[in-house]
Protein backbone atom coordinates (compact mmCIF):
# COMPACT_ATOMS: atom_id res chain seq x y z
CA MET A 1 -1.04 -2.57 4.90
CA ASP A 2 -4.23 -4.60 6.01
CA LEU A 3 -7.27 -3.73 3.12
CA PRO A 4 -9.74 -6.10 4.05
CA GLY A 5 -12.74 -6.37 1.80
CA LEU A 6 -10.18 -4.46 -0.55
CA SER A 7 -8.95 -6.31 -3.75
CA HIS A 8 -5.81 -4.97 -5.73
CA ASP A 9 -8.13 -3.36 -8.07
CA ASP A 10 -9.14 -1.04 -5.79
CA VAL A 11 -6.19 0.62 -4.75
CA ASN A 12 -3.23 2.50 -6.38
CA ILE A 13 0.38 2.81 -5.84
CA THR A 14 2.83 5.40 -7.49
CA TYR A 15 6.56 6.37 -6.71
CA GLU A 16 8.14 9.56 -7.33
CA ALA A 17 10.86 11.58 -6.97
CA GLY A 18 11.77 9.74 -3.37
CA LYS A 19 8.09 9.20 -2.16
CA LEU A 20 5.33 6.04 -2.38
CA GLN A 21 2.33 6.73 -2.54
CA VAL A 22 -0.85 4.35 -1.24
CA SER A 23 -4.29 5.44 -1.90
CA GLY A 24 -7.77 3.60 -2.54
CA GLU A 25 -11.12 3.69 -1.97
CA ARG A 26 -13.96 1.32 -0.11
CA SER A 27 -17.48 1.92 -1.02
CA PHE A 28 -19.99 0.88 1.11
CA GLU A 29 -21.89 -1.97 0.30
CA ARG A 30 -25.89 -2.28 0.74
CA ASP A 31 -28.46 -4.69 -0.17
CA GLU A 32 -31.58 -2.39 -1.36
CA GLU A 33 -33.74 -4.98 -1.14
CA ASN A 34 -32.81 -6.66 2.28
CA LYS A 35 -32.05 -2.86 4.19
CA PRO A 36 -30.18 -4.65 7.21
CA GLN A 37 -30.41 -2.25 10.40
CA PHE A 38 -26.83 -1.47 12.13
CA HIS A 39 -26.24 -1.13 15.27
CA ARG A 40 -22.21 -0.14 14.86
CA VAL A 41 -20.41 -0.61 11.72
CA GLU A 42 -16.75 -1.47 12.59
CA ARG A 43 -14.93 -1.40 9.39
CA TRP A 44 -14.07 2.24 7.80
CA TYR A 45 -15.51 3.46 4.55
CA GLY A 46 -14.30 5.88 1.76
CA ARG A 47 -10.67 7.39 -0.06
CA PHE A 48 -7.98 6.48 2.31
CA PHE A 49 -4.33 7.93 1.20
CA ARG A 50 -0.87 7.41 3.00
CA SER A 51 2.64 8.49 2.06
CA PHE A 52 5.50 7.53 2.70
CA GLU A 53 8.82 9.63 2.11
CA LEU A 54 11.66 6.90 0.99
CA GLY A 55 14.59 9.05 -0.81
CA ARG A 56 16.31 8.06 -3.81
CA GLU A 57 17.77 5.52 -2.72
CA VAL A 58 15.29 2.83 -4.23
CA GLU A 59 15.19 1.29 -7.12
CA PRO A 60 12.24 2.08 -9.14
CA GLY A 61 12.48 -0.41 -11.80
CA ASN A 62 12.34 -2.94 -9.22
CA ILE A 63 9.29 -2.47 -7.10
CA LYS A 64 7.02 -5.04 -6.06
CA ALA A 65 3.72 -5.09 -4.89
CA THR A 66 0.93 -8.49 -4.13
CA PHE A 67 -1.89 -8.50 -2.55
CA THR A 68 -3.07 -11.73 -0.28
CA ASP A 69 -6.52 -11.89 1.47
CA GLY A 70 -6.72 -8.48 1.68
CA VAL A 71 -2.96 -7.64 3.14
CA LEU A 72 -0.87 -5.91 0.83
CA ALA A 73 3.47 -6.25 0.58
CA ILE A 74 5.38 -4.13 -1.38
CA GLU A 75 8.95 -4.65 -2.13
CA LEU A 76 10.94 -1.52 -2.45
CA PRO A 77 15.02 -2.98 -2.92
CA LYS A 78 17.72 -0.47 -3.20
CA LYS A 79 19.94 0.63 -5.14
CA GLU A 80 23.47 -0.94 -5.05
CA GLU A 81 25.54 1.55 -4.36
CA SER A 82 23.42 2.97 -1.16
CA LYS A 83 23.13 -0.12 0.27
CA PRO A 84 26.12 -0.38 3.34
CA MET A 85 29.39 -2.16 2.58
CA LYS A 86 32.21 -3.14 5.21
CA ILE A 87 35.42 -1.73 4.81
CA GLU A 88 38.49 -3.99 4.93
CA ILE A 89 40.96 -2.56 7.57
CA LYS A 90 44.58 -2.96 6.03
């Protein structure tokens, strides 16, 4: 997920019963001393929430998340028994 201007402290990730949820909030920063006048603001502000149905094939204990330069990456490894396997023909 692209989350420019946020830090990992601004984002919450949960996984429960096959559902991954990512949420957080970006606050609008104002400099009260200089009070800039905006003609257009291209970045969205406020709370956000995204939910993904992944099923129960995910290994919850091995989920990893990294946040680098405004990009959140989440690795969700599958359980061994849910991975496809080749069947030998005899």
